[in-house]
Amino acid sequence: MGEAYVVAEGDIDGEREAGDTALVKTTIGSDRGSGRLEQRVIRFRSGNSAERRLAARDDVLYVVSGRGTLVVDGVEHPLAPDTAAFVAAGETASVRNQDEDELVVVSVTAPASPLGPGPNRRVTVAFDERLELCADDRRTFRYLVNEDAGCREVTQFLGIVEPCRAPDHSHSYDEVGFVVEGQGFAHVDGASTPIGPGSCFHLPPGRVHCIENSGPGVMRILGVFHPSGDPASRAYDAAAEPAATT
C-alpha cells in the first residue's frame, strides 16, 4: 500500500548539479513508499536552469514564490505565485529566473498516459482563473492542472481550509501534498504531526487521515493525486458513519 509520510522541506538536503541554478529537494519518492508520485521542491536562483526532459513521466508544477519564465520546447510561459504548469512526458523544459529572489516551485511527477496530453492541452494555469468549488462547509478547492488542461493521469488542486478539523476519511487514489500557508496538524493512522508552510505529506490509497487547521487564518494546501479524479471524493468518511447507539 505504501507508507504515509510527513516531512518539512527545510529538513531535506538539496542537490544542485554543476552549472545548474536549481537546488532540488526530493521530499517524497519511492524511498519513502510512494511508488507512483515523486514530489520535489525546487529553488531556482537567478539565471537559466539546465534543461530537463522526462521520457515517460508527466510533471505538474506550482509556483510558491518568485517570478520567472518556463521554457517548454522553446516556447516561453510566464511564471508567478499561484501559477501551475504542465510539462508532458517527452517535452524539454527549463526555468529562467531574472530576479535576485529565489523562484520556489513544487514539482510532482507521475506516470504519463500512453495517449499523451489531451486535445485541450494547456501549459500554464492561474489559480485566479479557476472556479472555486465546495468540498464541505469549511473547505473549498480549485482545480489547477487536470483533464481540463489535457493532463489525463493526475489531478493537481489547491485546497482552502478554514480553521477546523475535518472528519477522518480516506481516498482511493495516491496523494502528495504541500502546505503553502497556515498552521495545523496532519492526523494519520492515529498519529498527529504539526504542519506549516513547507510541510510535505504522502497519503497512500485507503490510508485514514485528516488535516486540521488550528487557525486563526486559512490553510492553503497544494494536492496532487493519481489516478485523476475528484478531491472531494471519499473511500471512507467518518462523517457518513451512523451515530453510535447505546
C-alpha atoms as a PDB file:
ATOM      1  CA  MET A   1       0.000   0.000   0.000  1.00  0.00           C
ATOM      2  CA  GLY A   2       2.923   2.353   0.636  1.00  0.00           C
ATOM      3  CA  GLU A   3       3.894   4.491   3.584  1.00  0.00           C
ATOM      4  CA  ALA A   4       2.214   7.594   4.951  1.00  0.00           C
ATOM      5  CA  TYR A   5       4.853  10.236   5.489  1.00  0.00           C
ATOM      6  CA  VAL A   6       5.115  13.857   6.680  1.00  0.00           C
ATOM      7  CA  VAL A   7       8.314  15.886   6.278  1.00  0.00           C
ATOM      8  CA  ALA A   8       9.356  19.546   6.362  1.00  0.00           C
ATOM      9  CA  GLU A   9      11.011  20.794   3.181  1.00  0.00           C
ATOM     10  CA  GLY A  10      13.513  22.694   5.313  1.00  0.00           C
ATOM     11  CA  ASP A  11      14.775  19.419   6.804  1.00  0.00           C
ATOM     12  CA  ILE A  12      15.703  17.948   3.397  1.00  0.00           C
ATOM     13  CA  ASP A  13      19.159  18.487   1.950  1.00  0.00           C
ATOM     14  CA  GLY A  14      19.067  19.706  -1.631  1.00  0.00           C
ATOM     15  CA  GLU A  15      21.278  18.835  -4.585  1.00  0.00           C
ATOM     16  CA  ARG A  16      22.489  21.223  -7.274  1.00  0.00           C
ATOM     17  CA  GLU A  17      24.174  19.899 -10.396  1.00  0.00           C
ATOM     18  CA  ALA A  18      27.285  21.729 -11.591  1.00  0.00           C
ATOM     19  CA  GLY A  19      26.320  24.737 -13.687  1.00  0.00           C
ATOM     20  CA  ASP A  20      22.616  24.499 -12.790  1.00  0.00           C
ATOM     21  CA  THR A  21      20.554  27.165 -10.985  1.00  0.00           C
ATOM     22  CA  ALA A  22      18.152  24.603  -9.487  1.00  0.00           C
ATOM     23  CA  LEU A  23      18.536  23.347  -5.927  1.00  0.00           C
ATOM     24  CA  VAL A  24      16.410  20.179  -5.920  1.00  0.00           C
ATOM     25  CA  LYS A  25      14.966  18.714  -2.722  1.00  0.00           C
ATOM     26  CA  THR A  26      13.303  15.335  -3.187  1.00  0.00           C
ATOM     27  CA  THR A  27      10.745  15.370  -0.379  1.00  0.00           C
ATOM     28  CA  ILE A  28       8.656  12.305  -1.305  1.00  0.00           C
ATOM     29  CA  GLY A  29       9.550   9.387  -3.569  1.00  0.00           C
ATOM     30  CA  SER A  30       9.965   5.651  -3.863  1.00  0.00           C
ATOM     31  CA  ASP A  31      12.413   5.509  -0.956  1.00  0.00           C
ATOM     32  CA  ARG A  32       9.536   6.597   1.302  1.00  0.00           C
ATOM     33  CA  GLY A  33       6.913   4.255  -0.156  1.00  0.00           C
ATOM     34  CA  SER A  34       5.451   6.450  -2.891  1.00  0.00           C
ATOM     35  CA  GLY A  35       5.775   4.297  -5.988  1.00  0.00           C
ATOM     36  CA  ARG A  36       3.811   6.441  -8.433  1.00  0.00           C
ATOM     37  CA  LEU A  37       4.232  10.051  -7.305  1.00  0.00           C
ATOM     38  CA  GLU A  38       7.514  11.843  -6.705  1.00  0.00           C
ATOM     39  CA  GLN A  39       7.483  15.290  -5.142  1.00  0.00           C
ATOM     40  CA  ARG A  40      10.347  17.776  -5.286  1.00  0.00           C
ATOM     41  CA  VAL A  41      10.716  21.321  -4.004  1.00  0.00           C
ATOM     42  CA  ILE A  42      12.969  23.193  -6.416  1.00  0.00           C
ATOM     43  CA  ARG A  43      14.601  26.517  -5.576  1.00  0.00           C
ATOM     44  CA  PHE A  44      15.876  28.365  -8.659  1.00  0.00           C
ATOM     45  CA  ARG A  45      18.430  31.103  -8.130  1.00  0.00           C
ATOM     46  CA  SER A  46      18.960  33.834 -10.745  1.00  0.00           C
ATOM     47  CA  GLY A  47      19.820  32.695 -14.256  1.00  0.00           C
ATOM     48  CA  ASN A  48      18.846  29.937 -16.659  1.00  0.00           C
ATOM     49  CA  SER A  49      18.424  26.419 -15.312  1.00  0.00           C
ATOM     50  CA  ALA A  50      19.624  23.283 -17.042  1.00  0.00           C
ATOM     51  CA  GLU A  51      17.124  21.661 -19.387  1.00  0.00           C
ATOM     52  CA  ARG A  52      15.169  18.684 -18.123  1.00  0.00           C
ATOM     53  CA  ARG A  53      13.326  16.000 -20.095  1.00  0.00           C
ATOM     54  CA  LEU A  54      11.336  13.074 -18.695  1.00  0.00           C
ATOM     55  CA  ALA A  55      10.645  10.340 -21.226  1.00  0.00           C
ATOM     56  CA  ALA A  56       7.764   8.554 -19.514  1.00  0.00           C
ATOM     57  CA  ARG A  57       6.511  10.825 -16.731  1.00  0.00           C
ATOM     58  CA  ASP A  58       4.382  13.962 -16.678  1.00  0.00           C
ATOM     59  CA  ASP A  59       5.481  16.852 -14.452  1.00  0.00           C
ATOM     60  CA  VAL A  60       2.978  19.204 -12.780  1.00  0.00           C
ATOM     61  CA  LEU A  61       4.437  22.335 -11.202  1.00  0.00           C
ATOM     62  CA  TYR A  62       3.204  25.006  -8.807  1.00  0.00           C
ATOM     63  CA  VAL A  63       4.912  28.339  -8.066  1.00  0.00           C
ATOM     64  CA  VAL A  64       5.072  29.022  -4.327  1.00  0.00           C
ATOM     65  CA  SER A  65       7.017  32.285  -4.622  1.00  0.00           C
ATOM     66  CA  GLY A  66       9.053  34.289  -7.111  1.00  0.00           C
ATOM     67  CA  ARG A  67       8.651  35.095 -10.785  1.00  0.00           C
ATOM     68  CA  GLY A  68      10.286  33.814 -13.934  1.00  0.00           C
ATOM     69  CA  THR A  69       9.751  32.045 -17.223  1.00  0.00           C
ATOM     70  CA  LEU A  70       9.128  28.392 -18.022  1.00  0.00           C
ATOM     71  CA  VAL A  71      10.519  27.408 -21.425  1.00  0.00           C
ATOM     72  CA  VAL A  72       8.910  24.271 -22.883  1.00  0.00           C
ATOM     73  CA  ASP A  73      10.256  23.068 -26.225  1.00  0.00           C
ATOM     74  CA  GLY A  74      11.447  26.609 -26.944  1.00  0.00           C
ATOM     75  CA  VAL A  75       8.147  28.376 -26.077  1.00  0.00           C
ATOM     76  CA  GLU A  76       8.128  30.794 -23.130  1.00  0.00           C
ATOM     77  CA  HIS A  77       5.424  30.818 -20.434  1.00  0.00           C
ATOM     78  CA  PRO A  78       5.398  33.391 -17.598  1.00  0.00           C
ATOM     79  CA  LEU A  79       5.544  32.105 -14.018  1.00  0.00           C
ATOM     80  CA  ALA A  80       4.226  33.912 -10.926  1.00  0.00           C
ATOM     81  CA  PRO A  81       2.968  32.877  -7.484  1.00  0.00           C
ATOM     82  CA  ASP A  82      -0.137  30.642  -7.681  1.00  0.00           C
ATOM     83  CA  THR A  83       0.680  29.654 -11.268  1.00  0.00           C
ATOM     84  CA  ALA A  84       0.543  25.946 -12.112  1.00  0.00           C
ATOM     85  CA  ALA A  85       2.202  24.318 -15.117  1.00  0.00           C
ATOM     86  CA  PHE A  86       2.055  21.017 -17.004  1.00  0.00           C
ATOM     87  CA  VAL A  87       5.157  19.644 -18.723  1.00  0.00           C
ATOM     88  CA  ALA A  88       4.228  16.479 -20.589  1.00  0.00           C
ATOM     89  CA  ALA A  89       6.440  13.420 -20.955  1.00  0.00           C
ATOM     90  CA  GLY A  90       8.952  13.853 -23.768  1.00  0.00           C
ATOM     91  CA  GLU A  91       8.996  17.652 -23.598  1.00  0.00           C
ATOM     92  CA  THR A  92      12.156  19.593 -22.753  1.00  0.00           C
ATOM     93  CA  ALA A  93      11.782  22.298 -20.105  1.00  0.00           C
ATOM     94  CA  SER A  94      13.940  24.848 -18.313  1.00  0.00           C
ATOM     95  CA  VAL A  95      13.315  27.787 -15.981  1.00  0.00           C
ATOM     96  CA  ARG A  96      14.674  31.315 -16.261  1.00  0.00           C
ATOM     97  CA  ASN A  97      14.764  33.418 -13.103  1.00  0.00           C
ATOM     98  CA  GLN A  98      15.595  37.043 -13.867  1.00  0.00           C
ATOM     99  CA  ASP A  99      15.147  38.255 -10.265  1.00  0.00           C
ATOM    100  CA  GLU A 100      17.562  38.181  -7.362  1.00  0.00           C
ATOM    101  CA  ASP A 101      14.986  36.410  -5.182  1.00  0.00           C
ATOM    102  CA  GLU A 102      14.609  32.647  -5.434  1.00  0.00           C
ATOM    103  CA  LEU A 103      11.848  31.151  -7.567  1.00  0.00           C
ATOM    104  CA  VAL A 104      10.355  28.315  -5.484  1.00  0.00           C
ATOM    105  CA  VAL A 105       8.431  25.584  -7.279  1.00  0.00           C
ATOM    106  CA  VAL A 106       6.777  22.344  -6.159  1.00  0.00           C
ATOM    107  CA  SER A 107       7.180  19.636  -8.815  1.00  0.00           C
ATOM    108  CA  VAL A 108       5.289  16.336  -8.798  1.00  0.00           C
ATOM    109  CA  THR A 109       5.912  13.695 -11.443  1.00  0.00           C
ATOM    110  CA  ALA A 110       3.719  10.691 -12.274  1.00  0.00           C
ATOM    111  CA  PRO A 111       3.496   8.029 -14.984  1.00  0.00           C
ATOM    112  CA  ALA A 112       2.275   9.563 -18.236  1.00  0.00           C
ATOM    113  CA  SER A 113      -0.684   8.344 -20.252  1.00  0.00           C
ATOM    114  CA  PRO A 114       0.285   6.331 -23.353  1.00  0.00           C
ATOM    115  CA  LEU A 115      -2.176   8.568 -25.206  1.00  0.00           C
ATOM    116  CA  GLY A 116      -0.154  11.704 -24.438  1.00  0.00           C
ATOM    117  CA  PRO A 117      -1.762  15.043 -23.479  1.00  0.00           C
ATOM    118  CA  GLY A 118      -5.424  15.633 -24.245  1.00  0.00           C
ATOM    119  CA  PRO A 119      -6.557  17.869 -27.104  1.00  0.00           C
ATOM    120  CA  ASN A 120      -7.274  20.806 -24.754  1.00  0.00           C
ATOM    121  CA  ARG A 121      -3.638  20.933 -23.597  1.00  0.00           C
ATOM    122  CA  ARG A 122      -2.520  23.975 -21.599  1.00  0.00           C
ATOM    123  CA  VAL A 123       0.984  24.595 -20.267  1.00  0.00           C
ATOM    124  CA  THR A 124       0.142  27.110 -17.510  1.00  0.00           C
ATOM    125  CA  VAL A 125      -2.962  27.649 -15.384  1.00  0.00           C
ATOM    126  CA  ALA A 126      -3.514  30.534 -12.941  1.00  0.00           C
ATOM    127  CA  PHE A 127      -5.286  29.951  -9.618  1.00  0.00           C
ATOM    128  CA  ASP A 128      -7.323  33.160 -10.002  1.00  0.00           C
ATOM    129  CA  GLU A 129      -8.887  31.999 -13.264  1.00  0.00           C
ATOM    130  CA  ARG A 130     -10.183  28.706 -11.876  1.00  0.00           C
ATOM    131  CA  LEU A 131     -13.647  28.205 -10.350  1.00  0.00           C
ATOM    132  CA  GLU A 132     -13.855  27.812  -6.577  1.00  0.00           C
ATOM    133  CA  LEU A 133     -15.649  24.587  -5.664  1.00  0.00           C
ATOM    134  CA  CYS A 134     -17.037  23.402  -2.333  1.00  0.00           C
ATOM    135  CA  ALA A 135     -15.740  20.286  -0.573  1.00  0.00           C
ATOM    136  CA  ASP A 136     -17.850  20.985   2.549  1.00  0.00           C
ATOM    137  CA  ASP A 137     -18.954  23.999   4.599  1.00  0.00           C
ATOM    138  CA  ARG A 138     -15.391  24.710   5.825  1.00  0.00           C
ATOM    139  CA  ARG A 139     -13.288  23.716   2.815  1.00  0.00           C
ATOM    140  CA  THR A 140     -13.108  24.762  -0.819  1.00  0.00           C
ATOM    141  CA  PHE A 141     -10.745  23.908  -3.660  1.00  0.00           C
ATOM    142  CA  ARG A 142      -9.787  24.909  -7.182  1.00  0.00           C
ATOM    143  CA  TYR A 143      -8.557  22.559  -9.864  1.00  0.00           C
ATOM    144  CA  LEU A 144      -5.244  23.645 -11.375  1.00  0.00           C
ATOM    145  CA  VAL A 145      -3.749  21.048 -13.730  1.00  0.00           C
ATOM    146  CA  ASN A 146      -6.158  18.212 -14.530  1.00  0.00           C
ATOM    147  CA  GLU A 147      -8.008  16.875 -17.553  1.00  0.00           C
ATOM    148  CA  ASP A 148      -9.184  20.444 -18.308  1.00  0.00           C
ATOM    149  CA  ALA A 149      -5.533  21.231 -19.112  1.00  0.00           C
ATOM    150  CA  GLY A 150      -5.046  17.983 -21.037  1.00  0.00           C
ATOM    151  CA  CYS A 151      -3.382  16.079 -18.193  1.00  0.00           C
ATOM    152  CA  ARG A 152      -5.009  12.653 -18.255  1.00  0.00           C
ATOM    153  CA  GLU A 153      -3.379  10.839 -15.328  1.00  0.00           C
ATOM    154  CA  VAL A 154      -3.124  13.245 -12.373  1.00  0.00           C
ATOM    155  CA  THR A 155      -5.138  15.979 -10.708  1.00  0.00           C
ATOM    156  CA  GLN A 156      -3.438  18.998  -9.146  1.00  0.00           C
ATOM    157  CA  PHE A 157      -5.550  21.304  -6.976  1.00  0.00           C
ATOM    158  CA  LEU A 158      -5.258  23.963  -4.289  1.00  0.00           C
ATOM    159  CA  GLY A 159      -7.415  23.458  -1.201  1.00  0.00           C
ATOM    160  CA  ILE A 160      -8.519  26.271   1.121  1.00  0.00           C
ATOM    161  CA  VAL A 161      -9.304  25.117   4.673  1.00  0.00           C
ATOM    162  CA  GLU A 162     -10.967  27.281   7.313  1.00  0.00           C
ATOM    163  CA  PRO A 163      -9.979  26.690  10.975  1.00  0.00           C
ATOM    164  CA  CYS A 164     -11.411  23.255  11.745  1.00  0.00           C
ATOM    165  CA  ARG A 165     -10.609  19.575  11.973  1.00  0.00           C
ATOM    166  CA  ALA A 166     -12.132  17.570   9.143  1.00  0.00           C
ATOM    167  CA  PRO A 167     -13.700  14.143   9.847  1.00  0.00           C
ATOM    168  CA  ASP A 168     -11.358  11.205   9.393  1.00  0.00           C
ATOM    169  CA  HIS A 169     -11.526   9.882   5.843  1.00  0.00           C
ATOM    170  CA  SER A 170      -9.595   8.112   3.101  1.00  0.00           C
ATOM    171  CA  HIS A 171      -9.290   8.240  -0.688  1.00  0.00           C
ATOM    172  CA  SER A 172      -8.987   5.605  -3.375  1.00  0.00           C
ATOM    173  CA  TYR A 173      -6.113   7.495  -5.013  1.00  0.00           C
ATOM    174  CA  ASP A 174      -2.433   8.074  -4.142  1.00  0.00           C
ATOM    175  CA  GLU A 175      -1.812  11.666  -2.967  1.00  0.00           C
ATOM    176  CA  VAL A 176       1.029  14.001  -2.078  1.00  0.00           C
ATOM    177  CA  GLY A 177       0.572  17.439  -0.579  1.00  0.00           C
ATOM    178  CA  PHE A 178       2.443  20.648   0.245  1.00  0.00           C
ATOM    179  CA  VAL A 179       1.336  23.268   2.774  1.00  0.00           C
ATOM    180  CA  VAL A 180       1.531  26.699   1.139  1.00  0.00           C
ATOM    181  CA  GLU A 181       0.083  28.701   4.040  1.00  0.00           C
ATOM    182  CA  GLY A 182      -1.279  28.106   7.535  1.00  0.00           C
ATOM    183  CA  GLN A 183      -0.603  26.015  10.622  1.00  0.00           C
ATOM    184  CA  GLY A 184      -2.155  22.823  11.879  1.00  0.00           C
ATOM    185  CA  PHE A 185      -1.780  19.075  12.216  1.00  0.00           C
ATOM    186  CA  ALA A 186      -1.782  16.046   9.951  1.00  0.00           C
ATOM    187  CA  HIS A 187      -3.653  13.215  11.669  1.00  0.00           C
ATOM    188  CA  VAL A 188      -2.725   9.897  10.022  1.00  0.00           C
ATOM    189  CA  ASP A 189      -3.446   6.442  11.462  1.00  0.00           C
ATOM    190  CA  GLY A 190      -3.978   7.938  14.907  1.00  0.00           C
ATOM    191  CA  ALA A 191      -0.690   9.881  14.959  1.00  0.00           C
ATOM    192  CA  SER A 192      -0.645  13.699  14.897  1.00  0.00           C
ATOM    193  CA  THR A 193       2.177  15.687  13.277  1.00  0.00           C
ATOM    194  CA  PRO A 194       2.441  19.506  13.353  1.00  0.00           C
ATOM    195  CA  ILE A 195       2.448  21.038   9.864  1.00  0.00           C
ATOM    196  CA  GLY A 196       3.021  24.512   8.470  1.00  0.00           C
ATOM    197  CA  PRO A 197       4.369  26.254   5.355  1.00  0.00           C
ATOM    198  CA  GLY A 198       6.749  23.894   3.574  1.00  0.00           C
ATOM    199  CA  SER A 199       5.351  20.711   5.131  1.00  0.00           C
ATOM    200  CA  CYS A 200       5.030  17.840   2.653  1.00  0.00           C
ATOM    201  CA  PHE A 201       2.995  14.664   3.026  1.00  0.00           C
ATOM    202  CA  HIS A 202       2.216  11.388   1.267  1.00  0.00           C
ATOM    203  CA  LEU A 203      -1.127   9.609   1.694  1.00  0.00           C
ATOM    204  CA  PRO A 204      -1.341   6.145   0.096  1.00  0.00           C
ATOM    205  CA  PRO A 205      -4.719   4.857  -1.151  1.00  0.00           C
ATOM    206  CA  GLY A 206      -7.011   3.844   1.668  1.00  0.00           C
ATOM    207  CA  ARG A 207      -4.969   5.498   4.438  1.00  0.00           C
ATOM    208  CA  VAL A 208      -7.312   7.068   7.032  1.00  0.00           C
ATOM    209  CA  HIS A 209      -6.341  10.662   7.781  1.00  0.00           C
ATOM    210  CA  CYS A 210      -7.488  14.226   8.225  1.00  0.00           C
ATOM    211  CA  ILE A 211      -5.890  17.670   8.116  1.00  0.00           C
ATOM    212  CA  GLU A 212      -6.602  20.075  10.959  1.00  0.00           C
ATOM    213  CA  ASN A 213      -6.235  23.838  10.591  1.00  0.00           C
ATOM    214  CA  SER A 214      -5.512  25.129  14.077  1.00  0.00           C
ATOM    215  CA  GLY A 215      -6.034  28.711  12.861  1.00  0.00           C
ATOM    216  CA  PRO A 216      -6.552  31.541  13.143  1.00  0.00           C
ATOM    217  CA  GLY A 217      -6.260  32.095   9.370  1.00  0.00           C
ATOM    218  CA  VAL A 218      -6.958  29.834   6.424  1.00  0.00           C
ATOM    219  CA  MET A 219      -4.712  26.952   5.425  1.00  0.00           C
ATOM    220  CA  ARG A 220      -3.808  26.596   1.749  1.00  0.00           C
ATOM    221  CA  ILE A 221      -2.696  23.136   0.652  1.00  0.00           C
ATOM    222  CA  LEU A 222      -1.431  22.034  -2.749  1.00  0.00           C
ATOM    223  CA  GLY A 223      -2.525  18.487  -3.537  1.00  0.00           C
ATOM    224  CA  VAL A 224      -1.628  16.153  -6.405  1.00  0.00           C
ATOM    225  CA  PHE A 225      -3.125  12.705  -6.809  1.00  0.00           C
ATOM    226  CA  HIS A 226      -3.042   9.721  -9.173  1.00  0.00           C
ATOM    227  CA  PRO A 227      -5.145   8.485 -10.874  1.00  0.00           C
ATOM    228  CA  SER A 228      -7.016  11.674 -11.764  1.00  0.00           C
ATOM    229  CA  GLY A 229     -10.383  12.364 -10.182  1.00  0.00           C
ATOM    230  CA  ASP A 230     -12.289  14.480  -7.642  1.00  0.00           C
ATOM    231  CA  PRO A 231     -10.519  15.719  -4.466  1.00  0.00           C
ATOM    232  CA  ALA A 232     -13.873  15.800  -2.646  1.00  0.00           C
ATOM    233  CA  SER A 233     -14.461  12.063  -3.160  1.00  0.00           C
ATOM    234  CA  ARG A 234     -14.117   9.686  -0.202  1.00  0.00           C
ATOM    235  CA  ALA A 235     -13.438   5.975   0.003  1.00  0.00           C
ATOM    236  CA  TYR A 236     -14.239   6.219   3.727  1.00  0.00           C
ATOM    237  CA  ASP A 237     -15.765   9.159   5.570  1.00  0.00           C
ATOM    238  CA  ALA A 238     -16.292   9.122   9.334  1.00  0.00           C
ATOM    239  CA  ALA A 239     -18.906  11.884   8.960  1.00  0.00           C
ATOM    240  CA  ALA A 240     -21.072   9.464   6.978  1.00  0.00           C
ATOM    241  CA  GLU A 241     -20.936   6.740   9.637  1.00  0.00           C
ATOM    242  CA  PRO A 242     -24.183   6.176  11.572  1.00  0.00           C
ATOM    243  CA  ALA A 243     -24.175   7.561  15.090  1.00  0.00           C
ATOM    244  CA  ALA A 244     -23.379   5.029  17.804  1.00  0.00           C
ATOM    245  CA  THR A 245     -26.317   3.882  19.946  1.00  0.00           C
ATOM    246  CA  THR A 246     -26.372   2.558  23.477  1.00  0.00           C
END
